[in-house]
Amino acid sequence: MSATIVSDLQVSINGKPLDPQLDLPLLCEVEVDLGVQQQGMIHMQLGAGQDASGDWARTLVHTYTPGSPVAVDVRIGDSTTRLINGVLTLTKLNFSADIHDSRFEVTGMDVLEKVKRSHNAQRYQGDLISIVTQVLGRQNIPLDSSATPSVANLSESQTDSDLDFLTGLARNNNCEIYVESDTSGDTAFFQKLDFDTADSISTDLRVNQGSQTNVRNAQFYIDLSGPTRVEANNIDSNGKAAPQKIASDLRDIPTLSQIETDLLGDVSFALISRLNRESKKSVAELQTRCDSELEKAAWVVVGKGEVDTAAYGDLLFPRRTVNVRGSGSLFEGEYMVWKVTHSFKRDVHCQRFELRRKLGMMLNASS
């Protein structure tokens, strides 16, 4: 991979690539932040100075207008990959006493920003796929429904933005709403974060020391600061609390090792989260809600670090699995890429990553 940002990175505004003679020399840094349960974001900083009239960044202000579409491509070898299609949402001029340190700062979000700004209060009837397709269709975003749950006979009322509505619908069905980009456009997904069916990244992350490593630095740990149990009361058709309490508990994972069981402690030590609203829905629906709330806290085995793309030779993307080697017997194995920030400067493309996996997946942890 070349060390220069001009040949490895291409940024387009309104469908037009930045001019390599006029615009790219001003580009100080580009970050593309992608992750689970978050919108993709692009953040750019350009050098800003005064023109002959004493005005500041006049051309930049007119080029990077909020609402403009922005796209970022990265090339490794002969392969070019679209990282994000986005919409500019903020421009900021940062002044410094040293004129050479003044910066023009630009922020954009992925195309779900259009869905966030769309609102159509109404009541929906039908199956889950048709409702999600209808909402996304208002912004011409196609849905890949191959892994969307088959839920029929829904009756849902929308009172907030399209994105808030879809996010709430996803939470209630233990799913996530997100988009992925390529050069032809964007595809939306409404599905569960599933380790077993996720695509894999072929290149291992090697955290061992010495010449064989491609990870600059890393840390691995188990985070049990979140809820380990979610509870809810089942309300019958008469509005009374039924004797059955619905719950989801990390201690019920059948593949827990002894070390993981010891880490969770006795049930009396559980950190309990209770659903705010009691439900008049069926026991199965309420169980799904409990499972969905616990899902966000279940990914407790965490790895963080950064790689130099020139040494790694591949790209990390969220919701893909990647194999980790050299991190010790408790922390080796496959992880879900939870978050990655692609950071481009003139001399390096760095990928800062966060990996996660659930309890019950630790290797060599039987003692």
Protein backbone atom coordinates (compact mmCIF):
# COMPACT_ATOMS: atom_id res chain seq x y z
CA MET A 1 0.00 0.00 0.00
CA SER A 2 1.34 3.39 -0.95
CA ALA A 3 2.08 5.81 1.86
CA THR A 4 0.47 8.82 0.18
CA ILE A 5 -3.13 9.77 0.79
CA VAL A 6 -3.61 10.86 -2.85
CA SER A 7 -3.31 7.36 -4.31
CA ASP A 8 -4.99 5.41 -1.49
CA LEU A 9 -7.96 7.60 -0.57
CA GLN A 10 -10.61 9.24 -2.70
CA VAL A 11 -13.23 11.60 -1.28
CA SER A 12 -16.12 12.73 -3.47
CA ILE A 13 -18.50 15.63 -2.79
CA ASN A 14 -21.71 15.81 -4.81
CA GLY A 15 -20.41 12.95 -6.93
CA LYS A 16 -17.21 14.81 -7.88
CA PRO A 17 -13.79 13.63 -6.59
CA LEU A 18 -11.70 16.21 -4.79
CA ASP A 19 -9.20 17.91 -7.06
CA PRO A 20 -5.74 16.38 -6.43
CA GLN A 21 -4.07 19.71 -7.18
CA LEU A 22 -6.35 22.11 -5.29
CA ASP A 23 -8.28 20.18 -2.64
CA LEU A 24 -6.19 17.17 -1.58
CA PRO A 25 -3.14 19.20 -0.50
CA LEU A 26 -5.42 20.87 2.07
CA LEU A 27 -6.66 17.53 3.44
CA CYS A 28 -4.98 16.95 6.81
CA GLU A 29 -6.97 14.00 8.14
CA VAL A 30 -10.00 11.86 7.31
CA GLU A 31 -11.73 9.50 9.74
CA VAL A 32 -14.52 7.07 8.87
CA ASP A 33 -16.17 5.66 11.97
CA LEU A 34 -18.30 2.52 11.54
CA GLY A 35 -19.81 0.30 14.21
CA VAL A 36 -22.58 -1.84 15.62
CA GLN A 37 -25.68 0.05 16.82
CA GLN A 38 -24.47 3.41 15.53
CA GLN A 39 -24.65 5.46 12.36
CA GLY A 40 -21.55 5.56 10.22
CA MET A 41 -19.74 8.89 10.42
CA ILE A 42 -17.11 10.71 8.39
CA HIS A 43 -14.94 13.45 9.87
CA MET A 44 -12.47 15.53 7.83
CA GLN A 45 -10.03 18.29 8.68
CA LEU A 46 -8.56 20.56 6.02
CA GLY A 47 -5.99 23.30 6.29
CA ALA A 48 -7.66 26.72 6.27
CA GLY A 49 -6.04 30.05 5.57
CA GLN A 50 -6.80 33.58 4.36
CA ASP A 51 -7.03 34.51 0.72
CA ALA A 52 -5.67 37.70 -0.82
CA SER A 53 -8.69 39.67 0.39
CA GLY A 54 -8.25 38.48 3.96
CA ASP A 55 -11.32 36.22 3.83
CA TRP A 56 -11.21 32.75 5.38
CA ALA A 57 -12.04 29.43 3.68
CA ARG A 58 -14.53 30.95 1.22
CA THR A 59 -14.08 28.14 -1.32
CA LEU A 60 -14.25 25.40 1.35
CA VAL A 61 -17.48 26.77 2.80
CA HIS A 62 -19.13 26.65 -0.63
CA THR A 63 -17.73 23.19 -1.44
CA TYR A 64 -18.65 21.43 1.82
CA THR A 65 -22.27 22.47 2.19
CA PRO A 66 -24.44 20.64 4.76
CA GLY A 67 -26.80 18.32 2.94
CA SER A 68 -24.27 17.51 0.22
CA PRO A 69 -23.61 13.82 -0.48
CA VAL A 70 -20.11 12.60 0.40
CA ALA A 71 -18.42 9.30 -0.41
CA VAL A 72 -15.11 7.79 0.70
CA ASP A 73 -13.23 5.06 -1.19
CA VAL A 74 -9.98 3.38 -0.18
CA ARG A 75 -7.67 1.38 -2.43
CA ILE A 76 -5.42 -1.46 -1.29
CA GLY A 77 -3.39 -2.81 -4.18
CA ASP A 78 -5.73 -3.13 -7.15
CA SER A 79 -8.90 -3.32 -5.04
CA THR A 80 -11.03 -0.25 -4.32
CA THR A 81 -13.64 -0.38 -1.55
CA ARG A 82 -16.37 2.11 -0.69
CA LEU A 83 -16.26 2.81 3.06
CA ILE A 84 -19.25 5.12 3.32
CA ASN A 85 -21.89 7.05 1.41
CA GLY A 86 -22.90 9.92 3.61
CA VAL A 87 -24.55 13.29 3.99
CA LEU A 88 -22.65 16.33 5.29
CA THR A 89 -24.23 17.67 8.47
CA LEU A 90 -21.75 20.13 10.02
CA THR A 91 -18.98 22.50 8.97
CA LYS A 92 -16.79 24.33 11.42
CA LEU A 93 -13.92 26.79 11.09
CA ASN A 94 -11.36 26.45 13.89
CA PHE A 95 -9.07 29.45 14.24
CA SER A 96 -5.60 29.32 15.75
CA ALA A 97 -3.15 32.05 16.67
CA ASP A 98 -0.73 30.27 14.34
CA ILE A 99 -2.29 30.60 10.89
CA HIS A 100 -0.76 27.28 9.82
CA ASP A 101 -2.74 25.45 12.54
CA SER A 102 -6.19 26.76 11.56
CA ARG A 103 -8.51 24.01 10.36
CA PHE A 104 -11.76 23.67 8.43
CA GLU A 105 -13.66 20.76 9.99
CA VAL A 106 -16.41 18.79 8.23
CA THR A 107 -18.68 16.06 9.63
CA GLY A 108 -21.11 13.79 7.83
CA MET A 109 -23.32 10.81 8.67
CA ASP A 110 -24.27 7.76 6.61
CA VAL A 111 -27.46 7.77 4.53
CA LEU A 112 -29.61 6.84 7.52
CA GLU A 113 -29.36 10.57 8.17
CA LYS A 114 -32.01 10.97 5.47
CA VAL A 115 -34.23 8.49 7.31
CA LYS A 116 -33.65 10.37 10.56
CA ARG A 117 -34.96 13.55 8.95
CA SER A 118 -38.01 11.87 7.45
CA HIS A 119 -41.29 11.70 9.35
CA ASN A 120 -44.64 10.22 8.37
CA ALA A 121 -46.86 9.63 11.39
CA GLN A 122 -49.16 6.75 10.62
CA ARG A 123 -50.27 3.28 11.66
CA TYR A 124 -48.81 0.26 9.89
CA GLN A 125 -50.46 -3.09 9.42
CA GLY A 126 -48.72 -6.16 8.04
CA ASP A 127 -45.56 -8.19 8.38
CA LEU A 128 -42.20 -6.86 9.60
CA ILE A 129 -40.44 -6.94 6.22
CA SER A 130 -43.18 -4.98 4.44
CA ILE A 131 -43.25 -2.29 7.16
CA VAL A 132 -39.47 -1.80 7.15
CA THR A 133 -39.39 -1.81 3.33
CA GLN A 134 -42.13 0.84 3.23
CA VAL A 135 -40.31 3.18 5.64
CA LEU A 136 -36.91 2.82 3.93
CA GLY A 137 -38.55 3.16 0.52
CA ARG A 138 -39.36 6.78 1.25
CA GLN A 139 -35.63 7.45 0.86
CA ASN A 140 -35.15 4.89 -1.94
CA ILE A 141 -32.96 2.66 0.24
CA PRO A 142 -33.40 -1.03 -0.68
CA LEU A 143 -33.69 -3.63 2.09
CA ASP A 144 -31.81 -6.93 2.03
CA SER A 145 -34.47 -8.97 3.82
CA SER A 146 -32.74 -12.35 3.59
CA ALA A 147 -32.04 -12.41 7.34
CA THR A 148 -34.94 -10.24 8.54
CA PRO A 149 -37.18 -12.18 10.97
CA SER A 150 -40.51 -13.38 9.59
CA VAL A 151 -42.95 -11.62 11.92
CA ALA A 152 -46.56 -11.34 10.71
CA ASN A 153 -49.73 -9.54 11.77
CA LEU A 154 -48.06 -6.47 13.22
CA SER A 155 -49.90 -3.30 14.13
CA GLU A 156 -47.44 -0.48 14.79
CA SER A 157 -47.99 3.25 15.28
CA GLN A 158 -45.33 5.80 14.32
CA THR A 159 -45.12 9.09 16.19
CA ASP A 160 -41.43 9.99 15.75
CA SER A 161 -38.88 10.09 12.94
CA ASP A 162 -38.55 7.21 10.51
CA LEU A 163 -35.18 6.22 11.99
CA ASP A 164 -36.40 6.34 15.59
CA PHE A 165 -39.38 4.24 14.57
CA LEU A 166 -37.19 1.63 12.85
CA THR A 167 -34.72 1.60 15.76
CA GLY A 168 -37.52 0.92 18.24
CA LEU A 169 -38.95 -1.76 15.98
CA ALA A 170 -35.51 -3.37 15.75
CA ARG A 171 -35.04 -3.31 19.52
CA ASN A 172 -38.37 -5.03 20.11
CA ASN A 173 -37.44 -7.78 17.66
CA ASN A 174 -33.84 -8.27 18.82
CA CYS A 175 -32.48 -6.77 15.58
CA GLU A 176 -30.38 -3.88 14.33
CA ILE A 177 -31.02 -1.43 11.49
CA TYR A 178 -27.96 -0.37 9.49
CA VAL A 179 -26.69 0.32 5.98
CA GLU A 180 -23.65 -0.82 4.04
CA SER A 181 -22.21 1.01 1.04
CA ASP A 182 -20.64 0.19 -2.29
CA THR A 183 -20.03 2.19 -5.44
CA SER A 184 -23.54 1.48 -6.73
CA GLY A 185 -25.29 2.78 -3.60
CA ASP A 186 -26.48 1.60 -0.21
CA THR A 187 -28.28 -1.46 1.08
CA ALA A 188 -30.17 -1.53 4.37
CA PHE A 189 -30.25 -4.50 6.74
CA PHE A 190 -32.73 -5.20 9.52
CA GLN A 191 -31.52 -8.30 11.29
CA LYS A 192 -30.07 -9.86 14.40
CA LEU A 193 -26.35 -9.59 15.08
CA ASP A 194 -25.54 -13.25 14.43
CA PHE A 195 -22.03 -14.52 15.02
CA ASP A 196 -22.60 -17.86 13.27
CA THR A 197 -23.80 -16.43 9.95
CA ALA A 198 -21.63 -13.28 9.78
CA ASP A 199 -19.13 -12.96 6.95
CA SER A 200 -15.52 -13.42 7.99
CA ILE A 201 -12.40 -11.33 7.36
CA SER A 202 -9.72 -13.63 5.98
CA THR A 203 -6.68 -11.92 7.50
CA ASP A 204 -5.93 -12.72 11.16
CA LEU A 205 -5.16 -10.06 13.72
CA ARG A 206 -1.86 -11.02 15.33
CA VAL A 207 -1.19 -9.38 18.67
CA ASN A 208 1.93 -11.33 19.62
CA GLN A 209 5.10 -9.29 20.00
CA GLY A 210 7.87 -9.21 17.43
CA SER A 211 8.07 -9.13 13.65
CA GLN A 212 4.99 -11.36 13.15
CA THR A 213 2.53 -8.90 14.67
CA ASN A 214 0.32 -6.59 12.58
CA VAL A 215 -1.31 -4.97 15.64
CA ARG A 216 0.45 -1.91 17.04
CA ASN A 217 -1.05 -2.19 20.49
CA ALA A 218 -4.03 -3.96 22.02
CA GLN A 219 -5.88 -4.71 25.22
CA PHE A 220 -8.26 -7.56 25.98
CA TYR A 221 -10.63 -7.80 28.93
CA ILE A 222 -14.01 -8.98 30.21
CA ASP A 223 -16.49 -6.21 31.00
CA LEU A 224 -19.31 -7.17 33.38
CA SER A 225 -20.33 -3.61 34.25
CA GLY A 226 -23.59 -3.91 32.31
CA PRO A 227 -26.76 -5.84 33.26
CA THR A 228 -26.34 -9.58 33.59
CA ARG A 229 -30.08 -10.20 34.00
CA VAL A 230 -33.19 -8.54 32.48
CA GLU A 231 -36.62 -8.98 34.09
CA ALA A 232 -40.20 -7.98 33.24
CA ASN A 233 -43.66 -8.67 34.68
CA ASN A 234 -46.22 -10.31 32.45
CA ILE A 235 -49.54 -8.41 32.53
CA ASP A 236 -52.66 -10.41 31.67
CA SER A 237 -55.54 -9.22 29.49
CA ASN A 238 -57.28 -7.75 32.54
CA GLY A 239 -54.29 -5.54 33.32
CA LYS A 240 -53.21 -7.56 36.33
CA ALA A 241 -49.75 -8.92 36.99
CA ALA A 242 -49.57 -12.61 36.20
CA PRO A 243 -47.59 -14.80 38.58
CA GLN A 244 -45.00 -15.55 35.91
CA LYS A 245 -42.00 -13.22 35.78
CA ILE A 246 -40.14 -13.15 32.45
CA ALA A 247 -36.35 -12.97 32.56
CA SER A 248 -33.17 -13.39 30.53
CA ASP A 249 -29.92 -14.17 32.36
CA LEU A 250 -26.33 -14.56 31.19
CA ARG A 251 -26.01 -17.45 33.66
CA ASP A 252 -28.37 -19.47 31.46
CA ILE A 253 -25.88 -19.64 28.56
CA PRO A 254 -25.36 -23.40 28.15
CA THR A 255 -21.72 -23.19 26.98
CA LEU A 256 -20.34 -21.19 29.92
CA SER A 257 -16.93 -22.35 31.07
CA GLN A 258 -16.13 -22.65 34.75
CA ILE A 259 -14.10 -19.44 34.62
CA GLU A 260 -17.03 -17.55 33.08
CA THR A 261 -19.46 -19.00 35.62
CA ASP A 262 -17.16 -17.87 38.43
CA LEU A 263 -16.91 -14.39 36.90
CA LEU A 264 -20.70 -13.99 36.84
CA GLY A 265 -20.99 -15.02 40.46
CA ASP A 266 -24.07 -16.18 42.30
CA VAL A 267 -27.52 -15.07 41.11
CA SER A 268 -27.75 -12.85 44.19
CA PHE A 269 -24.85 -10.84 42.70
CA ALA A 270 -26.69 -10.24 39.40
CA LEU A 271 -26.94 -6.70 38.07
CA ILE A 272 -30.64 -6.59 37.16
CA SER A 273 -32.27 -4.34 34.59
CA ARG A 274 -36.07 -4.17 34.61
CA LEU A 275 -38.12 -3.13 31.61
CA ASN A 276 -39.80 0.19 32.27
CA ARG A 277 -43.09 -0.75 30.67
CA GLU A 278 -44.95 -3.88 31.62
CA SER A 279 -46.49 -5.66 28.68
CA LYS A 280 -49.97 -6.93 27.87
CA LYS A 281 -48.49 -8.89 24.98
CA SER A 282 -47.90 -12.62 24.92
CA VAL A 283 -45.28 -14.31 27.07
CA ALA A 284 -43.27 -15.10 23.94
CA GLU A 285 -43.22 -11.44 22.83
CA LEU A 286 -42.20 -10.27 26.28
CA GLN A 287 -39.44 -12.89 26.37
CA THR A 288 -38.15 -11.54 23.06
CA ARG A 289 -38.01 -8.06 24.56
CA CYS A 290 -36.01 -9.33 27.54
CA ASP A 291 -33.68 -11.24 25.24
CA SER A 292 -33.21 -8.15 23.09
CA GLU A 293 -32.33 -5.94 26.07
CA LEU A 294 -29.83 -8.49 27.39
CA GLU A 295 -28.31 -8.93 23.94
CA LYS A 296 -26.72 -5.49 24.12
CA ALA A 297 -25.00 -6.39 27.40
CA ALA A 298 -24.04 -9.95 26.46
CA TRP A 299 -21.01 -9.08 24.32
CA VAL A 300 -18.68 -8.73 27.29
CA VAL A 301 -15.38 -10.18 26.00
CA VAL A 302 -13.65 -7.15 24.48
CA GLY A 303 -10.51 -6.49 22.47
CA LYS A 304 -9.27 -3.05 21.43
CA GLY A 305 -6.26 -1.93 19.44
CA GLU A 306 -5.02 -0.52 16.16
CA VAL A 307 -3.37 -1.80 13.02
CA ASP A 308 -1.30 -0.14 10.33
CA THR A 309 -3.08 -1.10 7.11
CA ALA A 310 0.24 -1.35 5.26
CA ALA A 311 1.24 -4.14 7.68
CA TYR A 312 -2.20 -5.72 7.92
CA GLY A 313 -3.04 -5.66 4.21
CA ASP A 314 -6.81 -5.89 4.69
CA LEU A 315 -9.82 -3.86 5.82
CA LEU A 316 -11.89 -4.35 8.95
CA PHE A 317 -15.65 -3.82 8.81
CA PRO A 318 -18.25 -4.02 11.60
CA ARG A 319 -20.44 -7.14 11.85
CA ARG A 320 -17.71 -9.31 10.31
CA THR A 321 -15.84 -11.95 12.28
CA VAL A 322 -12.07 -11.94 12.53
CA ASN A 323 -9.65 -14.43 14.07
CA VAL A 324 -7.26 -13.20 16.79
CA ARG A 325 -3.97 -14.94 17.42
CA GLY A 326 -1.27 -14.41 20.02
CA SER A 327 -3.50 -12.93 22.74
CA GLY A 328 -3.22 -15.81 25.22
CA SER A 329 -5.39 -18.86 25.77
CA LEU A 330 -8.36 -16.98 27.24
CA PHE A 331 -8.60 -14.37 24.50
CA GLU A 332 -7.62 -16.10 21.26
CA GLY A 333 -10.21 -17.10 18.69
CA GLU A 334 -12.96 -15.46 16.65
CA TYR A 335 -14.48 -12.08 17.47
CA MET A 336 -17.13 -9.87 15.98
CA VAL A 337 -15.75 -6.56 14.71
CA TRP A 338 -17.83 -4.20 16.84
CA LYS A 339 -16.36 -0.91 15.75
CA VAL A 340 -13.62 0.33 13.44
CA THR A 341 -12.32 3.83 12.78
CA HIS A 342 -10.37 4.22 9.57
CA SER A 343 -7.98 7.13 10.10
CA PHE A 344 -6.12 8.53 7.10
CA LYS A 345 -3.19 10.90 7.40
CA ARG A 346 -0.58 11.70 4.81
CA ASP A 347 1.78 8.96 5.88
CA VAL A 348 -0.46 6.16 7.18
CA HIS A 349 -3.89 4.52 7.15
CA CYS A 350 -4.57 3.36 10.71
CA GLN A 351 -7.52 1.18 11.71
CA ARG A 352 -8.55 1.52 15.34
CA PHE A 353 -10.76 -1.42 16.25
CA GLU A 354 -13.02 -2.77 18.95
CA LEU A 355 -13.83 -6.49 18.91
CA ARG A 356 -16.43 -8.33 20.97
CA ARG A 357 -17.78 -11.78 21.60
CA LYS A 358 -20.24 -13.27 24.04
CA LEU A 359 -19.62 -15.31 27.11
CA GLY A 360 -19.63 -19.02 26.34
CA MET A 361 -17.17 -18.65 23.44
CA MET A 362 -13.88 -18.56 25.32
CA LEU A 363 -11.30 -21.18 24.31
CA ASN A 364 -9.22 -23.22 26.76
CA ALA A 365 -11.25 -21.86 29.66
CA SER A 366 -12.42 -25.07 31.25
CA SER A 367 -10.39 -24.68 34.42
